N, C-alpha and C. Protein backbone atom coordinates (compact mmCIF):
# COMPACT_ATOMS: atom_id res chain seq x y z
N MET A 1 101.89 -103.56 -129.43
CA MET A 1 100.94 -102.65 -129.84
C MET A 1 100.75 -102.37 -131.05
N THR A 2 100.18 -102.46 -131.81
CA THR A 2 99.86 -101.71 -133.05
C THR A 2 99.82 -100.55 -133.32
N GLU A 3 100.51 -99.84 -134.08
CA GLU A 3 100.50 -98.42 -134.53
C GLU A 3 99.88 -98.42 -135.64
N TRP A 4 98.62 -97.28 -135.77
CA TRP A 4 98.19 -96.88 -137.13
C TRP A 4 98.54 -95.70 -137.51
N GLN A 5 98.38 -95.75 -138.93
CA GLN A 5 98.53 -94.54 -139.49
C GLN A 5 97.39 -94.13 -140.74
N LEU A 6 97.16 -92.84 -140.54
CA LEU A 6 96.08 -92.40 -141.53
C LEU A 6 96.52 -92.12 -142.63
N ARG A 7 96.07 -92.65 -144.03
CA ARG A 7 96.60 -92.46 -145.32
C ARG A 7 95.03 -92.35 -146.23
N LEU A 8 95.37 -91.47 -147.04
CA LEU A 8 94.47 -91.29 -148.18
C LEU A 8 94.37 -92.20 -149.00
N SER A 9 92.97 -92.98 -149.43
CA SER A 9 92.73 -93.76 -150.65
C SER A 9 92.70 -93.29 -151.92
N ALA A 10 93.18 -93.57 -152.89
CA ALA A 10 92.90 -92.97 -154.39
C ALA A 10 91.55 -93.44 -154.70
N TYR A 11 91.33 -94.51 -154.19
CA TYR A 11 90.15 -95.27 -154.72
C TYR A 11 88.84 -94.47 -154.32
N ASP A 12 88.72 -94.37 -152.95
CA ASP A 12 87.36 -93.45 -152.78
C ASP A 12 87.68 -92.27 -151.89
N ARG A 13 88.96 -91.65 -152.14
CA ARG A 13 89.25 -90.38 -151.80
C ARG A 13 88.90 -90.07 -149.98
N GLN A 14 88.83 -91.06 -149.55
CA GLN A 14 88.48 -90.98 -148.08
C GLN A 14 89.87 -91.52 -147.30
N VAL A 15 90.33 -90.83 -145.88
CA VAL A 15 91.30 -91.33 -145.06
C VAL A 15 90.74 -92.21 -144.57
N HIS A 16 91.60 -93.21 -144.45
CA HIS A 16 91.49 -94.59 -143.58
C HIS A 16 92.73 -94.83 -142.77
N ALA A 17 92.30 -95.66 -141.85
CA ALA A 17 93.33 -96.18 -140.71
C ALA A 17 94.10 -97.59 -141.08
N PHE A 18 95.16 -97.43 -141.42
CA PHE A 18 96.00 -98.84 -141.64
C PHE A 18 97.01 -98.94 -140.74
N ASP A 19 97.51 -100.17 -140.71
CA ASP A 19 98.34 -100.68 -139.73
C ASP A 19 99.78 -100.04 -140.38
N SER A 20 100.75 -99.61 -139.68
CA SER A 20 101.85 -98.95 -140.16
C SER A 20 102.83 -99.97 -140.46
N GLY A 21 102.63 -101.49 -139.90
CA GLY A 21 103.49 -102.26 -140.22
C GLY A 21 103.47 -103.14 -141.47
N GLN A 22 102.22 -102.89 -142.37
CA GLN A 22 102.10 -103.57 -143.51
C GLN A 22 103.13 -103.00 -144.38
N ARG A 23 103.45 -104.19 -145.27
CA ARG A 23 104.54 -103.57 -146.37
C ARG A 23 104.15 -104.60 -147.68
N GLU A 24 102.93 -105.08 -147.66
CA GLU A 24 102.49 -105.87 -148.70
C GLU A 24 102.13 -104.56 -150.19
N ASP A 25 101.62 -105.28 -151.33
CA ASP A 25 101.29 -104.71 -152.17
C ASP A 25 100.39 -103.87 -152.16
N PHE A 26 99.27 -104.72 -151.44
CA PHE A 26 97.80 -104.15 -151.00
C PHE A 26 97.90 -103.98 -149.41
N TRP A 27 97.34 -102.71 -149.00
CA TRP A 27 97.42 -102.47 -147.67
C TRP A 27 95.75 -102.91 -147.43
N GLU A 28 95.21 -103.54 -146.33
CA GLU A 28 93.73 -103.36 -145.70
C GLU A 28 93.57 -102.54 -144.42
N ALA A 29 92.67 -101.72 -144.67
CA ALA A 29 92.29 -100.87 -143.56
C ALA A 29 91.49 -101.34 -142.27
N LEU A 30 91.65 -100.56 -141.11
CA LEU A 30 90.31 -101.11 -140.00
C LEU A 30 88.73 -101.73 -140.49
N CYS A 31 88.83 -101.27 -141.39
CA CYS A 31 87.35 -101.12 -142.06
C CYS A 31 87.20 -102.12 -143.06
N SER A 32 88.21 -102.83 -143.53
CA SER A 32 88.55 -103.68 -144.37
C SER A 32 88.56 -103.46 -145.77
N HIS A 33 88.59 -101.92 -146.25
CA HIS A 33 89.11 -101.53 -147.34
C HIS A 33 90.38 -101.71 -147.95
N THR A 34 90.57 -102.12 -148.87
CA THR A 34 92.21 -102.58 -149.45
C THR A 34 92.29 -101.58 -150.74
N VAL A 35 93.67 -101.27 -150.52
CA VAL A 35 94.25 -100.27 -151.34
C VAL A 35 95.64 -100.86 -152.08
N PRO A 36 96.13 -100.51 -153.15
CA PRO A 36 97.30 -100.85 -153.81
C PRO A 36 98.26 -99.84 -152.96
N ALA A 37 99.28 -100.39 -152.19
CA ALA A 37 100.31 -99.69 -151.93
C ALA A 37 100.34 -98.02 -152.68
N ASN A 38 100.64 -98.37 -154.20
CA ASN A 38 100.98 -97.25 -154.80
C ASN A 38 99.76 -96.13 -154.94
N PHE A 39 98.54 -96.58 -154.56
CA PHE A 39 97.06 -95.66 -154.60
C PHE A 39 97.17 -95.05 -153.39
N MET A 40 97.87 -95.22 -152.15
CA MET A 40 97.87 -94.44 -151.24
C MET A 40 98.54 -93.24 -150.94
N ALA A 41 98.30 -91.94 -150.29
CA ALA A 41 99.07 -90.80 -150.12
C ALA A 41 99.05 -90.60 -148.74
N GLU A 42 99.99 -89.43 -148.78
CA GLU A 42 99.73 -89.00 -147.44
C GLU A 42 98.58 -88.25 -147.01
N CYS A 43 98.26 -88.15 -145.58
CA CYS A 43 96.85 -87.60 -145.26
C CYS A 43 96.71 -86.24 -145.40
N PRO A 44 95.93 -85.68 -146.57
CA PRO A 44 96.10 -83.99 -146.60
C PRO A 44 94.76 -83.68 -145.82
N GLU A 45 95.10 -81.94 -145.32
CA GLU A 45 94.24 -81.56 -144.31
C GLU A 45 92.68 -81.70 -145.46
N LYS A 46 91.44 -81.25 -144.73
CA LYS A 46 90.31 -81.23 -144.88
C LYS A 46 89.63 -82.51 -146.02
N GLN A 47 90.29 -83.64 -145.85
CA GLN A 47 89.71 -84.76 -146.53
C GLN A 47 88.83 -85.57 -145.51
N PRO A 48 87.73 -85.82 -146.43
CA PRO A 48 86.82 -86.87 -145.71
C PRO A 48 87.35 -88.23 -144.78
N SER A 49 87.11 -88.48 -143.79
CA SER A 49 87.61 -89.64 -143.08
C SER A 49 86.56 -90.81 -143.21
N CYS A 50 86.99 -92.08 -143.12
CA CYS A 50 86.07 -93.07 -143.29
C CYS A 50 85.42 -93.10 -141.78
N LEU A 51 84.49 -93.30 -141.71
CA LEU A 51 83.73 -93.37 -140.27
C LEU A 51 84.13 -94.49 -139.98
N PRO A 52 83.90 -95.79 -140.23
CA PRO A 52 84.29 -97.12 -139.53
C PRO A 52 85.36 -97.09 -139.37
N CYS A 53 86.37 -96.67 -139.92
CA CYS A 53 87.77 -96.56 -139.18
C CYS A 53 87.73 -95.67 -138.19
N LEU A 54 87.51 -94.60 -138.14
CA LEU A 54 87.27 -93.70 -137.02
C LEU A 54 86.58 -94.35 -135.94
N ILE A 55 85.63 -95.06 -135.93
CA ILE A 55 84.76 -95.44 -134.87
C ILE A 55 85.88 -96.72 -133.99
N LYS A 56 86.41 -97.46 -135.00
CA LYS A 56 87.39 -98.58 -134.57
C LYS A 56 88.40 -98.00 -134.05
N ILE A 57 89.03 -96.98 -134.39
CA ILE A 57 90.18 -96.20 -133.80
C ILE A 57 89.61 -95.93 -132.30
N GLY A 58 88.51 -95.25 -132.32
CA GLY A 58 88.10 -94.60 -130.99
C GLY A 58 87.92 -96.23 -129.87
N GLU A 59 87.36 -97.15 -130.53
CA GLU A 59 87.37 -98.34 -129.78
C GLU A 59 88.52 -98.80 -129.24
N LEU A 60 89.60 -98.74 -130.07
CA LEU A 60 90.94 -99.20 -129.74
C LEU A 60 91.55 -98.13 -128.55
N VAL A 61 91.24 -97.17 -128.69
CA VAL A 61 91.78 -96.24 -127.77
C VAL A 61 91.22 -96.24 -126.42
N ALA A 62 89.99 -96.44 -126.42
CA ALA A 62 89.30 -96.76 -125.09
C ALA A 62 89.50 -97.93 -124.52
N THR A 63 89.70 -99.28 -125.33
CA THR A 63 90.37 -100.20 -124.59
C THR A 63 91.70 -100.26 -124.20
N ARG A 64 92.75 -99.28 -124.58
CA ARG A 64 93.92 -99.07 -124.16
C ARG A 64 93.77 -98.32 -122.97
N GLN A 65 92.87 -97.15 -122.72
CA GLN A 65 92.53 -96.51 -121.58
C GLN A 65 92.08 -97.50 -120.50
N GLU A 66 91.34 -98.13 -120.71
CA GLU A 66 90.60 -99.04 -119.83
C GLU A 66 91.77 -99.92 -119.15
N GLY A 67 92.45 -100.79 -120.10
CA GLY A 67 93.88 -101.49 -119.56
C GLY A 67 94.92 -100.59 -118.72
N ARG A 68 94.96 -99.42 -119.20
CA ARG A 68 96.00 -98.57 -118.31
C ARG A 68 95.27 -98.13 -117.05
N ARG A 69 94.05 -97.98 -117.18
CA ARG A 69 93.44 -97.54 -115.60
C ARG A 69 93.50 -98.81 -114.82
N ALA A 70 93.25 -100.00 -115.57
CA ALA A 70 93.76 -101.31 -114.57
C ALA A 70 94.77 -101.43 -113.97
N GLU A 71 95.88 -101.01 -114.27
CA GLU A 71 97.18 -101.17 -114.42
C GLU A 71 97.47 -100.03 -113.09
N ILE A 72 97.07 -98.77 -113.24
CA ILE A 72 97.13 -97.59 -112.16
C ILE A 72 96.42 -98.29 -110.98
N ALA A 73 95.14 -98.67 -111.31
CA ALA A 73 94.53 -99.24 -109.88
C ALA A 73 95.29 -100.12 -109.06
N ALA A 74 95.72 -101.33 -109.91
CA ALA A 74 96.48 -102.22 -109.24
C ALA A 74 97.75 -101.73 -108.90
N ASP A 75 98.55 -101.06 -109.38
CA ASP A 75 99.77 -100.23 -108.72
C ASP A 75 99.37 -99.53 -107.28
N VAL A 76 98.34 -98.61 -107.34
CA VAL A 76 97.58 -98.01 -106.26
C VAL A 76 97.34 -99.04 -105.07
N ARG A 77 96.71 -100.28 -105.53
CA ARG A 77 96.37 -101.29 -104.46
C ARG A 77 97.57 -101.93 -103.88
N GLU A 78 98.84 -102.08 -104.91
CA GLU A 78 100.14 -102.58 -104.05
C GLU A 78 100.65 -101.59 -103.12
N GLN A 79 100.72 -100.56 -103.53
CA GLN A 79 101.32 -99.45 -102.68
C GLN A 79 100.51 -99.17 -101.22
N LEU A 80 99.03 -99.42 -101.34
CA LEU A 80 98.46 -99.16 -100.28
C LEU A 80 98.50 -100.61 -99.34
N SER A 81 98.73 -101.55 -99.73
CA SER A 81 98.98 -102.85 -99.06
C SER A 81 100.41 -102.94 -98.51
N ALA A 82 101.08 -102.09 -99.08
CA ALA A 82 102.54 -102.15 -98.59
C ALA A 82 102.44 -100.90 -97.52
N PHE A 83 101.55 -100.05 -97.44
CA PHE A 83 101.65 -99.26 -96.67
C PHE A 83 101.68 -99.78 -95.05
N ASP A 84 102.73 -98.91 -94.26
CA ASP A 84 103.04 -99.76 -92.80
C ASP A 84 102.35 -99.06 -91.57
N GLY A 85 101.63 -97.91 -92.18
CA GLY A 85 101.08 -96.87 -91.23
C GLY A 85 101.76 -95.77 -90.46
N ASP A 86 103.01 -95.72 -90.95
CA ASP A 86 104.17 -94.79 -90.31
C ASP A 86 104.59 -93.53 -91.31
N LYS A 87 103.26 -93.73 -92.07
CA LYS A 87 103.23 -92.42 -93.14
C LYS A 87 104.54 -92.66 -94.27
N THR A 88 104.93 -93.86 -94.45
CA THR A 88 105.86 -93.97 -95.48
C THR A 88 105.22 -94.40 -96.62
N PHE A 89 103.90 -94.20 -96.90
CA PHE A 89 103.65 -94.52 -98.25
C PHE A 89 104.40 -94.29 -99.72
N GLY A 90 104.39 -95.59 -100.23
CA GLY A 90 105.01 -95.24 -101.60
C GLY A 90 106.82 -95.38 -101.53
N GLN A 91 107.15 -95.76 -100.25
CA GLN A 91 108.70 -95.76 -99.93
C GLN A 91 109.08 -97.26 -99.93
């Protein structure tokens, strides 16, 4: 699972989402904005954010949540199928 970090681009003065595993000279944001590593800064407060990056992060979170819901539903179905009728659910 990719971890993302929010960093300020000195080029457009917007906060973008970057893959935290990047170690290249140029980093690419989710929105395809590229920035030299030395032109990025920590994310200060009250700085405008890149809307395409925010939308893509939201889509990734929603996809992960859907995957987690499917895992939980499968676990519940498995436990229900193991239920022996003697009120020993989950044991």
